[in-house]
Amino acid sequence: MLAASSEFEQLKFSRRQTIGIPGRGFLYFASPEDVILNKLLWGQASQSEKQWRDVLGILKIQTTHLDVDYLCDWGERLGVSSNLLQAFEQAGLAD
């Protein structure tokens, strides 16, 4: 899982979203998928209810914009796939 985690860190950096601010520079934001996966990892380590609520909120708000294949692939690689599936169910997104 350490190798997957390191690869994930590199990938999420390349997937970040950039917004230019004229005369000021750029702001960088993690993709919603990467935020979900990170929060699942953090929540797994800490059992934090806040992380779980955040995941559900992102899933509900970003439903039509999420790359579900990416989430499932990296959820499996990072060892959070069962939590991800549970989150899909609780957010009303399970097939």
N, C-alpha and C. Protein backbone atom coordinates (compact mmCIF):
# COMPACT_ATOMS: atom_id res chain seq x y z
N MET A 1 0.83 -1.19 0.00
CA MET A 1 0.00 0.00 0.00
C MET A 1 0.87 1.25 0.00
N LEU A 2 2.08 1.17 0.51
CA LEU A 2 2.96 2.33 0.52
C LEU A 2 3.30 2.78 -0.89
N ALA A 3 3.60 1.84 -1.78
CA ALA A 3 3.91 2.21 -3.17
C ALA A 3 2.69 2.85 -3.83
N ALA A 4 1.52 2.28 -3.60
CA ALA A 4 0.29 2.85 -4.16
C ALA A 4 0.06 4.25 -3.61
N SER A 5 0.33 4.42 -2.33
CA SER A 5 0.14 5.73 -1.70
C SER A 5 1.06 6.76 -2.33
N SER A 6 2.32 6.39 -2.56
CA SER A 6 3.29 7.30 -3.16
C SER A 6 2.88 7.64 -4.60
N GLU A 7 2.45 6.64 -5.35
CA GLU A 7 1.98 6.87 -6.71
C GLU A 7 0.75 7.77 -6.70
N PHE A 8 -0.14 7.55 -5.75
CA PHE A 8 -1.34 8.37 -5.60
C PHE A 8 -0.97 9.82 -5.32
N GLU A 9 0.01 10.05 -4.47
CA GLU A 9 0.44 11.42 -4.16
C GLU A 9 0.91 12.14 -5.42
N GLN A 10 1.66 11.45 -6.25
CA GLN A 10 2.13 12.05 -7.50
C GLN A 10 0.98 12.30 -8.46
N LEU A 11 0.08 11.34 -8.56
CA LEU A 11 -1.03 11.46 -9.49
C LEU A 11 -1.98 12.58 -9.09
N LYS A 12 -2.29 12.69 -7.81
CA LYS A 12 -3.23 13.74 -7.41
C LYS A 12 -2.63 15.13 -7.63
N PHE A 13 -1.32 15.24 -7.55
CA PHE A 13 -0.68 16.51 -7.85
C PHE A 13 -0.88 16.87 -9.32
N SER A 14 -0.76 15.88 -10.20
CA SER A 14 -0.94 16.13 -11.63
C SER A 14 -2.40 16.36 -11.99
N ARG A 15 -3.33 15.87 -11.17
CA ARG A 15 -4.77 16.02 -11.43
C ARG A 15 -5.36 17.29 -10.82
N ARG A 16 -4.58 18.03 -10.10
CA ARG A 16 -5.11 19.23 -9.45
C ARG A 16 -5.72 20.17 -10.48
N GLN A 17 -6.66 20.95 -10.03
CA GLN A 17 -7.33 21.92 -10.89
C GLN A 17 -6.73 23.29 -10.63
N THR A 18 -6.51 24.04 -11.70
CA THR A 18 -5.86 25.34 -11.62
C THR A 18 -6.82 26.44 -12.02
N ILE A 19 -6.84 27.50 -11.24
CA ILE A 19 -7.63 28.68 -11.57
C ILE A 19 -6.68 29.87 -11.57
N GLY A 20 -6.64 30.57 -12.71
CA GLY A 20 -5.79 31.76 -12.82
C GLY A 20 -6.50 32.99 -12.29
N ILE A 21 -5.77 33.80 -11.54
CA ILE A 21 -6.29 35.06 -11.04
C ILE A 21 -5.46 36.17 -11.69
N PRO A 22 -6.11 36.94 -12.57
CA PRO A 22 -5.36 37.97 -13.31
C PRO A 22 -4.55 38.88 -12.39
N GLY A 23 -3.28 39.00 -12.71
CA GLY A 23 -2.39 39.86 -11.96
C GLY A 23 -1.96 39.30 -10.61
N ARG A 24 -2.44 38.12 -10.26
CA ARG A 24 -2.14 37.55 -8.94
C ARG A 24 -1.44 36.20 -8.98
N GLY A 25 -1.68 35.45 -10.03
CA GLY A 25 -1.09 34.12 -10.09
C GLY A 25 -2.15 33.04 -10.22
N PHE A 26 -1.90 31.92 -9.60
CA PHE A 26 -2.79 30.77 -9.74
C PHE A 26 -3.17 30.19 -8.38
N LEU A 27 -4.36 29.61 -8.34
CA LEU A 27 -4.81 28.83 -7.19
C LEU A 27 -4.93 27.38 -7.65
N TYR A 28 -4.54 26.46 -6.80
CA TYR A 28 -4.59 25.04 -7.13
C TYR A 28 -5.53 24.34 -6.17
N PHE A 29 -6.38 23.47 -6.72
CA PHE A 29 -7.35 22.73 -5.92
C PHE A 29 -7.25 21.25 -6.26
N ALA A 30 -7.32 20.42 -5.25
CA ALA A 30 -7.37 18.98 -5.48
C ALA A 30 -8.70 18.63 -6.13
N SER A 31 -8.68 17.59 -6.96
CA SER A 31 -9.92 17.15 -7.59
C SER A 31 -10.86 16.58 -6.52
N PRO A 32 -12.16 16.61 -6.76
CA PRO A 32 -13.10 16.06 -5.76
C PRO A 32 -12.82 14.58 -5.48
N GLU A 33 -12.43 13.83 -6.51
CA GLU A 33 -12.13 12.41 -6.31
C GLU A 33 -10.96 12.23 -5.35
N ASP A 34 -9.92 13.05 -5.52
CA ASP A 34 -8.75 12.93 -4.65
C ASP A 34 -9.05 13.37 -3.23
N VAL A 35 -9.91 14.35 -3.08
CA VAL A 35 -10.33 14.77 -1.73
C VAL A 35 -11.09 13.63 -1.06
N ILE A 36 -12.00 13.00 -1.80
CA ILE A 36 -12.76 11.87 -1.25
C ILE A 36 -11.81 10.76 -0.79
N LEU A 37 -10.88 10.37 -1.65
CA LEU A 37 -9.96 9.29 -1.30
C LEU A 37 -9.10 9.66 -0.10
N ASN A 38 -8.61 10.89 -0.05
CA ASN A 38 -7.82 11.31 1.11
C ASN A 38 -8.64 11.28 2.38
N LYS A 39 -9.86 11.77 2.31
CA LYS A 39 -10.71 11.78 3.51
C LYS A 39 -11.04 10.37 3.97
N LEU A 40 -11.21 9.44 3.03
CA LEU A 40 -11.42 8.05 3.42
C LEU A 40 -10.19 7.48 4.11
N LEU A 41 -9.00 7.82 3.60
CA LEU A 41 -7.77 7.38 4.25
C LEU A 41 -7.64 7.97 5.65
N TRP A 42 -7.86 9.27 5.77
CA TRP A 42 -7.76 9.93 7.07
C TRP A 42 -8.80 9.38 8.04
N GLY A 43 -10.01 9.19 7.54
CA GLY A 43 -11.09 8.68 8.38
C GLY A 43 -10.82 7.26 8.85
N GLN A 44 -10.20 6.47 7.99
CA GLN A 44 -9.85 5.10 8.35
C GLN A 44 -8.85 5.09 9.51
N ALA A 45 -7.93 6.02 9.47
CA ALA A 45 -6.90 6.09 10.51
C ALA A 45 -7.44 6.67 11.81
N SER A 46 -8.39 7.61 11.70
CA SER A 46 -8.83 8.33 12.90
C SER A 46 -10.26 8.02 13.34
N GLN A 47 -11.01 7.30 12.50
CA GLN A 47 -12.43 7.05 12.77
C GLN A 47 -13.21 8.35 12.92
N SER A 48 -12.79 9.37 12.20
CA SER A 48 -13.39 10.70 12.29
C SER A 48 -14.74 10.76 11.59
N GLU A 49 -15.75 11.14 12.33
CA GLU A 49 -17.09 11.32 11.77
C GLU A 49 -17.11 12.51 10.81
N LYS A 50 -16.29 13.52 11.07
CA LYS A 50 -16.23 14.69 10.20
C LYS A 50 -15.75 14.31 8.80
N GLN A 51 -14.72 13.48 8.72
CA GLN A 51 -14.22 13.05 7.41
C GLN A 51 -15.32 12.31 6.64
N TRP A 52 -16.06 11.47 7.36
CA TRP A 52 -17.14 10.70 6.74
C TRP A 52 -18.24 11.63 6.22
N ARG A 53 -18.64 12.59 7.01
CA ARG A 53 -19.67 13.55 6.57
C ARG A 53 -19.18 14.34 5.36
N ASP A 54 -17.92 14.72 5.36
CA ASP A 54 -17.36 15.44 4.21
C ASP A 54 -17.42 14.59 2.94
N VAL A 55 -17.05 13.32 3.06
CA VAL A 55 -17.10 12.41 1.91
C VAL A 55 -18.52 12.33 1.36
N LEU A 56 -19.49 12.14 2.25
CA LEU A 56 -20.89 12.05 1.80
C LEU A 56 -21.34 13.34 1.14
N GLY A 57 -20.94 14.47 1.69
CA GLY A 57 -21.31 15.76 1.12
C GLY A 57 -20.74 15.95 -0.28
N ILE A 58 -19.47 15.59 -0.45
CA ILE A 58 -18.84 15.73 -1.77
C ILE A 58 -19.52 14.80 -2.77
N LEU A 59 -19.79 13.57 -2.36
CA LEU A 59 -20.46 12.63 -3.26
C LEU A 59 -21.82 13.16 -3.70
N LYS A 60 -22.58 13.71 -2.78
CA LYS A 60 -23.92 14.22 -3.11
C LYS A 60 -23.87 15.44 -4.02
N ILE A 61 -22.93 16.34 -3.77
CA ILE A 61 -22.85 17.59 -4.53
C ILE A 61 -22.22 17.37 -5.91
N GLN A 62 -21.21 16.52 -5.98
CA GLN A 62 -20.46 16.33 -7.22
C GLN A 62 -20.92 15.10 -8.03
N THR A 63 -22.05 14.54 -7.68
CA THR A 63 -22.51 13.27 -8.25
C THR A 63 -22.26 13.13 -9.74
N THR A 64 -22.71 14.06 -10.53
CA THR A 64 -22.63 13.92 -11.99
C THR A 64 -21.26 14.29 -12.55
N HIS A 65 -20.38 14.80 -11.72
CA HIS A 65 -19.06 15.24 -12.19
C HIS A 65 -17.92 14.31 -11.76
N LEU A 66 -18.23 13.27 -11.02
CA LEU A 66 -17.18 12.40 -10.49
C LEU A 66 -16.74 11.34 -11.49
N ASP A 67 -15.45 11.05 -11.46
CA ASP A 67 -14.89 9.94 -12.23
C ASP A 67 -14.95 8.70 -11.33
N VAL A 68 -16.06 7.98 -11.44
CA VAL A 68 -16.31 6.84 -10.56
C VAL A 68 -15.30 5.73 -10.80
N ASP A 69 -14.89 5.52 -12.04
CA ASP A 69 -13.88 4.50 -12.33
C ASP A 69 -12.57 4.81 -11.60
N TYR A 70 -12.16 6.07 -11.63
CA TYR A 70 -10.95 6.49 -10.92
C TYR A 70 -11.11 6.24 -9.42
N LEU A 71 -12.25 6.63 -8.87
CA LEU A 71 -12.50 6.43 -7.44
C LEU A 71 -12.42 4.95 -7.07
N CYS A 72 -13.07 4.10 -7.84
CA CYS A 72 -13.07 2.67 -7.53
C CYS A 72 -11.69 2.05 -7.68
N ASP A 73 -10.98 2.43 -8.74
CA ASP A 73 -9.62 1.91 -8.96
C ASP A 73 -8.71 2.30 -7.80
N TRP A 74 -8.68 3.58 -7.47
CA TRP A 74 -7.78 4.03 -6.41
C TRP A 74 -8.29 3.65 -5.03
N GLY A 75 -9.58 3.53 -4.86
CA GLY A 75 -10.11 3.03 -3.59
C GLY A 75 -9.58 1.64 -3.30
N GLU A 76 -9.56 0.80 -4.34
CA GLU A 76 -9.02 -0.56 -4.21
C GLU A 76 -7.52 -0.53 -3.91
N ARG A 77 -6.78 0.26 -4.66
CA ARG A 77 -5.33 0.33 -4.48
C ARG A 77 -4.94 0.85 -3.10
N LEU A 78 -5.73 1.77 -2.57
CA LEU A 78 -5.41 2.40 -1.28
C LEU A 78 -6.03 1.67 -0.09
N GLY A 79 -6.81 0.64 -0.37
CA GLY A 79 -7.39 -0.15 0.71
C GLY A 79 -8.61 0.48 1.37
N VAL A 80 -9.32 1.34 0.64
CA VAL A 80 -10.52 1.98 1.20
C VAL A 80 -11.77 1.66 0.39
N SER A 81 -11.72 0.62 -0.44
CA SER A 81 -12.85 0.33 -1.33
C SER A 81 -14.13 -0.01 -0.58
N SER A 82 -14.03 -0.74 0.53
CA SER A 82 -15.26 -1.07 1.27
C SER A 82 -15.89 0.19 1.86
N ASN A 83 -15.06 1.11 2.34
CA ASN A 83 -15.60 2.38 2.85
C ASN A 83 -16.18 3.22 1.72
N LEU A 84 -15.54 3.19 0.57
CA LEU A 84 -16.04 3.94 -0.59
C LEU A 84 -17.41 3.41 -1.01
N LEU A 85 -17.55 2.09 -1.08
CA LEU A 85 -18.84 1.50 -1.45
C LEU A 85 -19.91 1.84 -0.43
N GLN A 86 -19.56 1.81 0.83
CA GLN A 86 -20.50 2.20 1.88
C GLN A 86 -20.91 3.66 1.72
N ALA A 87 -19.95 4.52 1.38
CA ALA A 87 -20.25 5.94 1.17
C ALA A 87 -21.18 6.12 -0.03
N PHE A 88 -20.92 5.37 -1.12
CA PHE A 88 -21.83 5.43 -2.28
C PHE A 88 -23.25 5.07 -1.86
N GLU A 89 -23.39 4.02 -1.07
CA GLU A 89 -24.71 3.59 -0.61
C GLU A 89 -25.38 4.66 0.24
N GLN A 90 -24.65 5.19 1.21
CA GLN A 90 -25.24 6.20 2.11
C GLN A 90 -25.57 7.50 1.39
N ALA A 91 -24.83 7.80 0.32
CA ALA A 91 -25.09 9.01 -0.45
C ALA A 91 -26.18 8.79 -1.50
N GLY A 92 -26.67 7.56 -1.59
CA GLY A 92 -27.73 7.25 -2.54
C GLY A 92 -27.23 7.05 -3.96
N LEU A 93 -25.97 6.63 -4.11
CA LEU A 93 -25.37 6.49 -5.44
C LEU A 93 -25.12 5.05 -5.84
N ALA A 94 -25.46 4.10 -4.99
CA ALA A 94 -25.20 2.69 -5.30
C ALA A 94 -26.16 2.21 -6.37
N ASP A 95 -25.64 1.38 -7.28
CA ASP A 95 -26.49 0.83 -8.35
C ASP A 95 -27.25 -0.36 -7.86
